[in-house]
């Protein structure tokens, strides 16, 4: 719903719309706000990671790559699995994997069964980046909880709703193809 459509619906409600219309407007405007928040939070997350690495004097890796290393952790997987499991959302996973291999953060080997497939895992250098990001996230969770900005029950409800949106979007994409 565009902003002008939202304003028009809001005006109609002010002129005596029904409760159903009010509920629909709440869902529409709430959904738009949620989308905007998700987008902003993703960008802010990358900025927070970037700032942490700059503070540590480690500018050889970018925030997207650091987040990718965090998501891989101690798992061994293919490049395709990185995307299908939601560990990497960008379109240039091959580029970032190549840079991480060249930088010594990731080790890669051809799969014995399917030689077209490459399995990746973190090197010790990659695990070090993983630990930095994990400690950053742990510190943030602790600070947010200690200051009452995050509550366990609120996080559970938010995560349930976000998973529902994720499932819906996944189903929408399946219908396109």
C-alpha atoms as a PDB file:
ATOM      1  CA  UNK A   1       0.000   0.000   0.000  1.00  0.00           C
ATOM      2  CA  UNK A   2       1.472   3.368  -0.987  1.00  0.00           C
ATOM      3  CA  UNK A   3       1.598   6.230   1.494  1.00  0.00           C
ATOM      4  CA  UNK A   4      -1.166   8.032  -0.412  1.00  0.00           C
ATOM      5  CA  UNK A   5      -3.343   4.900  -0.292  1.00  0.00           C
ATOM      6  CA  UNK A   6      -2.694   4.568   3.435  1.00  0.00           C
ATOM      7  CA  UNK A   7      -3.621   8.207   3.996  1.00  0.00           C
ATOM      8  CA  UNK A   8      -6.801   7.792   1.932  1.00  0.00           C
ATOM      9  CA  UNK A   9      -7.820   4.721   3.928  1.00  0.00           C
ATOM     10  CA  UNK A  10      -7.072   6.561   7.159  1.00  0.00           C
ATOM     11  CA  UNK A  11      -9.244   9.510   6.077  1.00  0.00           C
ATOM     12  CA  UNK A  12     -12.085   7.121   5.243  1.00  0.00           C
ATOM     13  CA  UNK A  13     -11.841   5.672   8.738  1.00  0.00           C
ATOM     14  CA  UNK A  14     -11.963   9.112  10.286  1.00  0.00           C
ATOM     15  CA  UNK A  15     -15.161   9.710   8.346  1.00  0.00           C
ATOM     16  CA  UNK A  16     -16.847   6.723   9.984  1.00  0.00           C
ATOM     17  CA  UNK A  17     -15.317   3.571   8.572  1.00  0.00           C
ATOM     18  CA  UNK A  18     -16.013   0.136  10.031  1.00  0.00           C
ATOM     19  CA  UNK A  19     -13.952  -1.787  12.554  1.00  0.00           C
ATOM     20  CA  UNK A  20     -12.903  -4.220   9.821  1.00  0.00           C
ATOM     21  CA  UNK A  21     -11.478  -1.341   7.804  1.00  0.00           C
ATOM     22  CA  UNK A  22      -9.604  -0.086  10.864  1.00  0.00           C
ATOM     23  CA  UNK A  23      -8.134  -3.536  11.451  1.00  0.00           C
ATOM     24  CA  UNK A  24      -7.074  -3.777   7.795  1.00  0.00           C
ATOM     25  CA  UNK A  25      -5.413  -0.375   8.001  1.00  0.00           C
ATOM     26  CA  UNK A  26      -3.588  -1.401  11.168  1.00  0.00           C
ATOM     27  CA  UNK A  27      -2.284  -4.536   9.434  1.00  0.00           C
ATOM     28  CA  UNK A  28      -1.352  -2.599   6.270  1.00  0.00           C
ATOM     29  CA  UNK A  29       0.452   0.211   8.061  1.00  0.00           C
ATOM     30  CA  UNK A  30       2.018  -2.195  10.572  1.00  0.00           C
ATOM     31  CA  UNK A  31       3.276  -4.406   7.764  1.00  0.00           C
ATOM     32  CA  UNK A  32       4.803  -1.431   5.939  1.00  0.00           C
ATOM     33  CA  UNK A  33       6.469  -0.270   9.133  1.00  0.00           C
ATOM     34  CA  UNK A  34       7.816  -3.778   9.733  1.00  0.00           C
ATOM     35  CA  UNK A  35       9.253  -3.925   6.205  1.00  0.00           C
ATOM     36  CA  UNK A  36      10.962  -0.573   6.668  1.00  0.00           C
ATOM     37  CA  UNK A  37      12.354  -1.679  10.038  1.00  0.00           C
ATOM     38  CA  UNK A  38      13.697  -4.948   8.637  1.00  0.00           C
ATOM     39  CA  UNK A  39      15.466  -3.074   5.858  1.00  0.00           C
ATOM     40  CA  UNK A  40      16.923  -0.448   8.218  1.00  0.00           C
ATOM     41  CA  UNK A  41      17.953  -3.028  10.806  1.00  0.00           C
ATOM     42  CA  UNK A  42      19.822  -5.075   8.210  1.00  0.00           C
ATOM     43  CA  UNK A  43      21.782  -2.009   7.091  1.00  0.00           C
ATOM     44  CA  UNK A  44      22.432  -1.007  10.709  1.00  0.00           C
ATOM     45  CA  UNK A  45      23.591  -4.534  11.541  1.00  0.00           C
ATOM     46  CA  UNK A  46      26.174  -4.340   8.785  1.00  0.00           C
ATOM     47  CA  UNK A  47      27.264  -0.891  10.042  1.00  0.00           C
ATOM     48  CA  UNK A  48      27.604  -2.219  13.600  1.00  0.00           C
ATOM     49  CA  UNK A  49      29.750  -5.125  12.396  1.00  0.00           C
ATOM     50  CA  UNK A  50      31.850  -2.786  10.242  1.00  0.00           C
ATOM     51  CA  UNK A  51      32.386  -0.428  13.188  1.00  0.00           C
ATOM     52  CA  UNK A  52      33.442  -3.309  15.454  1.00  0.00           C
ATOM     53  CA  UNK A  53      36.083  -4.469  12.988  1.00  0.00           C
ATOM     54  CA  UNK A  54      37.301  -0.898  12.424  1.00  0.00           C
ATOM     55  CA  UNK A  55      37.529  -0.406  16.199  1.00  0.00           C
ATOM     56  CA  UNK A  56      39.684  -3.546  16.348  1.00  0.00           C
ATOM     57  CA  UNK A  57      41.836  -2.269  13.451  1.00  0.00           C
ATOM     58  CA  UNK A  58      40.749  -5.139  11.208  1.00  0.00           C
ATOM     59  CA  UNK A  59      39.753  -3.521   7.929  1.00  0.00           C
ATOM     60  CA  UNK A  60      40.770  -6.394   5.635  1.00  0.00           C
ATOM     61  CA  UNK A  61      37.281  -7.874   5.725  1.00  0.00           C
ATOM     62  CA  UNK A  62      33.918  -6.239   5.084  1.00  0.00           C
ATOM     63  CA  UNK A  63      30.769  -6.585   7.172  1.00  0.00           C
ATOM     64  CA  UNK A  64      28.957  -8.830   4.674  1.00  0.00           C
ATOM     65  CA  UNK A  65      31.896 -11.226   4.656  1.00  0.00           C
ATOM     66  CA  UNK A  66      32.168 -11.175   8.459  1.00  0.00           C
ATOM     67  CA  UNK A  67      28.453 -11.960   8.784  1.00  0.00           C
ATOM     68  CA  UNK A  68      28.829 -14.797   6.276  1.00  0.00           C
ATOM     69  CA  UNK A  69      31.707 -16.257   8.321  1.00  0.00           C
ATOM     70  CA  UNK A  70      29.616 -15.920  11.480  1.00  0.00           C
ATOM     71  CA  UNK A  71      26.726 -17.794   9.852  1.00  0.00           C
ATOM     72  CA  UNK A  72      28.946 -20.612   8.601  1.00  0.00           C
ATOM     73  CA  UNK A  73      30.575 -21.113  11.998  1.00  0.00           C
ATOM     74  CA  UNK A  74      31.811 -24.682  12.434  1.00  0.00           C
ATOM     75  CA  UNK A  75      29.590 -26.120   9.691  1.00  0.00           C
ATOM     76  CA  UNK A  76      30.755 -27.547   6.360  1.00  0.00           C
ATOM     77  CA  UNK A  77      28.466 -26.765   3.433  1.00  0.00           C
ATOM     78  CA  UNK A  78      28.217 -25.958  -0.256  1.00  0.00           C
ATOM     79  CA  UNK A  79      27.831 -22.483  -1.693  1.00  0.00           C
ATOM     80  CA  UNK A  80      24.280 -23.377  -2.687  1.00  0.00           C
ATOM     81  CA  UNK A  81      23.476 -24.338   0.899  1.00  0.00           C
ATOM     82  CA  UNK A  82      24.653 -20.933   2.077  1.00  0.00           C
ATOM     83  CA  UNK A  83      21.802 -19.378   0.129  1.00  0.00           C
ATOM     84  CA  UNK A  84      19.173 -22.069   0.658  1.00  0.00           C
ATOM     85  CA  UNK A  85      19.710 -22.065   4.429  1.00  0.00           C
ATOM     86  CA  UNK A  86      19.479 -18.290   4.525  1.00  0.00           C
ATOM     87  CA  UNK A  87      23.100 -17.725   5.559  1.00  0.00           C
ATOM     88  CA  UNK A  88      23.729 -15.427   2.622  1.00  0.00           C
ATOM     89  CA  UNK A  89      21.121 -13.201   1.007  1.00  0.00           C
ATOM     90  CA  UNK A  90      23.149 -11.489  -1.701  1.00  0.00           C
ATOM     91  CA  UNK A  91      23.423 -12.388  -5.346  1.00  0.00           C
ATOM     92  CA  UNK A  92      27.222 -12.448  -5.366  1.00  0.00           C
ATOM     93  CA  UNK A  93      27.987 -15.332  -3.002  1.00  0.00           C
ATOM     94  CA  UNK A  94      30.649 -16.676  -5.389  1.00  0.00           C
ATOM     95  CA  UNK A  95      32.536 -13.365  -5.336  1.00  0.00           C
ATOM     96  CA  UNK A  96      32.552 -13.195  -1.541  1.00  0.00           C
ATOM     97  CA  UNK A  97      33.552 -16.841  -1.196  1.00  0.00           C
ATOM     98  CA  UNK A  98      36.422 -16.297  -3.641  1.00  0.00           C
ATOM     99  CA  UNK A  99      37.640 -13.281  -1.642  1.00  0.00           C
ATOM    100  CA  UNK A 100      37.357 -15.206   1.631  1.00  0.00           C
ATOM    101  CA  UNK A 101      39.307 -18.150   0.192  1.00  0.00           C
ATOM    102  CA  UNK A 102      41.994 -15.773  -1.142  1.00  0.00           C
ATOM    103  CA  UNK A 103      42.159 -14.065   2.262  1.00  0.00           C
ATOM    104  CA  UNK A 104      42.628 -17.376   4.063  1.00  0.00           C
ATOM    105  CA  UNK A 105      39.290 -17.275   5.928  1.00  0.00           C
ATOM    106  CA  UNK A 106      37.665 -20.222   4.147  1.00  0.00           C
ATOM    107  CA  UNK A 107      38.978 -23.548   2.954  1.00  0.00           C
ATOM    108  CA  UNK A 108      37.208 -25.127  -0.006  1.00  0.00           C
ATOM    109  CA  UNK A 109      37.301 -28.583  -1.544  1.00  0.00           C
ATOM    110  CA  UNK A 110      35.476 -30.275  -4.381  1.00  0.00           C
ATOM    111  CA  UNK A 111      32.850 -32.701  -3.181  1.00  0.00           C
ATOM    112  CA  UNK A 112      33.850 -36.357  -3.695  1.00  0.00           C
ATOM    113  CA  UNK A 113      30.372 -37.334  -4.886  1.00  0.00           C
ATOM    114  CA  UNK A 114      29.546 -34.349  -7.102  1.00  0.00           C
ATOM    115  CA  UNK A 115      32.733 -32.786  -8.481  1.00  0.00           C
ATOM    116  CA  UNK A 116      30.755 -29.699  -9.575  1.00  0.00           C
ATOM    117  CA  UNK A 117      29.971 -28.920  -5.965  1.00  0.00           C
ATOM    118  CA  UNK A 118      32.422 -27.158  -3.646  1.00  0.00           C
ATOM    119  CA  UNK A 119      32.259 -27.623   0.135  1.00  0.00           C
ATOM    120  CA  UNK A 120      33.456 -24.758   2.303  1.00  0.00           C
ATOM    121  CA  UNK A 121      34.506 -24.505   5.934  1.00  0.00           C
ATOM    122  CA  UNK A 122      36.214 -21.867   8.028  1.00  0.00           C
ATOM    123  CA  UNK A 123      39.934 -21.831   8.612  1.00  0.00           C
ATOM    124  CA  UNK A 124      41.288 -20.775  12.000  1.00  0.00           C
ATOM    125  CA  UNK A 125      41.446 -17.216  10.642  1.00  0.00           C
ATOM    126  CA  UNK A 126      37.777 -17.479   9.648  1.00  0.00           C
ATOM    127  CA  UNK A 127      36.859 -18.897  13.074  1.00  0.00           C
ATOM    128  CA  UNK A 128      38.551 -15.899  14.663  1.00  0.00           C
ATOM    129  CA  UNK A 129      36.224 -13.578  12.707  1.00  0.00           C
ATOM    130  CA  UNK A 130      33.296 -15.795  13.725  1.00  0.00           C
ATOM    131  CA  UNK A 131      34.283 -15.390  17.394  1.00  0.00           C
ATOM    132  CA  UNK A 132      34.538 -11.594  17.086  1.00  0.00           C
ATOM    133  CA  UNK A 133      31.018 -11.357  15.639  1.00  0.00           C
ATOM    134  CA  UNK A 134      29.629 -13.881  18.161  1.00  0.00           C
ATOM    135  CA  UNK A 135      31.090 -11.864  21.050  1.00  0.00           C
ATOM    136  CA  UNK A 136      29.674  -8.657  19.573  1.00  0.00           C
ATOM    137  CA  UNK A 137      26.186 -10.169  19.322  1.00  0.00           C
ATOM    138  CA  UNK A 138      26.422 -11.646  22.833  1.00  0.00           C
ATOM    139  CA  UNK A 139      27.441  -8.255  24.225  1.00  0.00           C
ATOM    140  CA  UNK A 140      24.561  -6.546  22.428  1.00  0.00           C
ATOM    141  CA  UNK A 141      22.004  -9.102  23.630  1.00  0.00           C
ATOM    142  CA  UNK A 142      23.245  -8.688  27.190  1.00  0.00           C
ATOM    143  CA  UNK A 143      23.180  -4.875  27.022  1.00  0.00           C
ATOM    144  CA  UNK A 144      19.729  -4.773  25.429  1.00  0.00           C
ATOM    145  CA  UNK A 145      18.332  -7.201  28.004  1.00  0.00           C
ATOM    146  CA  UNK A 146      19.947  -5.412  30.942  1.00  0.00           C
ATOM    147  CA  UNK A 147      18.452  -2.089  29.872  1.00  0.00           C
ATOM    148  CA  UNK A 148      14.982  -3.557  29.305  1.00  0.00           C
ATOM    149  CA  UNK A 149      15.004  -2.927  25.562  1.00  0.00           C
ATOM    150  CA  UNK A 150      14.511  -6.617  24.803  1.00  0.00           C
ATOM    151  CA  UNK A 151      12.295  -9.020  26.707  1.00  0.00           C
ATOM    152  CA  UNK A 152      12.285 -12.768  26.210  1.00  0.00           C
ATOM    153  CA  UNK A 153       8.524 -12.957  25.612  1.00  0.00           C
ATOM    154  CA  UNK A 154       8.666 -10.010  23.208  1.00  0.00           C
ATOM    155  CA  UNK A 155      11.511 -11.636  21.264  1.00  0.00           C
ATOM    156  CA  UNK A 156       9.609 -14.914  21.015  1.00  0.00           C
ATOM    157  CA  UNK A 157       6.494 -13.198  19.663  1.00  0.00           C
ATOM    158  CA  UNK A 158       8.511 -11.080  17.232  1.00  0.00           C
ATOM    159  CA  UNK A 159      10.436 -14.113  15.958  1.00  0.00           C
ATOM    160  CA  UNK A 160       7.200 -16.068  15.504  1.00  0.00           C
ATOM    161  CA  UNK A 161       5.739 -13.241  13.420  1.00  0.00           C
ATOM    162  CA  UNK A 162       8.922 -12.822  11.370  1.00  0.00           C
ATOM    163  CA  UNK A 163       9.063 -16.568  10.657  1.00  0.00           C
ATOM    164  CA  UNK A 164       5.472 -16.358   9.469  1.00  0.00           C
ATOM    165  CA  UNK A 165       6.406 -13.551   7.057  1.00  0.00           C
ATOM    166  CA  UNK A 166       9.437 -15.568   5.924  1.00  0.00           C
ATOM    167  CA  UNK A 167       7.239 -18.606   5.163  1.00  0.00           C
ATOM    168  CA  UNK A 168       4.725 -16.424   3.323  1.00  0.00           C
ATOM    169  CA  UNK A 169       7.415 -14.800   1.172  1.00  0.00           C
ATOM    170  CA  UNK A 170       8.981 -18.197   0.452  1.00  0.00           C
ATOM    171  CA  UNK A 171       5.615 -19.500  -0.729  1.00  0.00           C
ATOM    172  CA  UNK A 172       5.088 -16.383  -2.855  1.00  0.00           C
ATOM    173  CA  UNK A 173       8.433 -16.923  -4.571  1.00  0.00           C
ATOM    174  CA  UNK A 174       7.586 -20.576  -5.279  1.00  0.00           C
ATOM    175  CA  UNK A 175       4.407 -19.493  -7.077  1.00  0.00           C
ATOM    176  CA  UNK A 176       6.382 -17.222  -9.387  1.00  0.00           C
ATOM    177  CA  UNK A 177       8.476 -20.088 -10.779  1.00  0.00           C
END
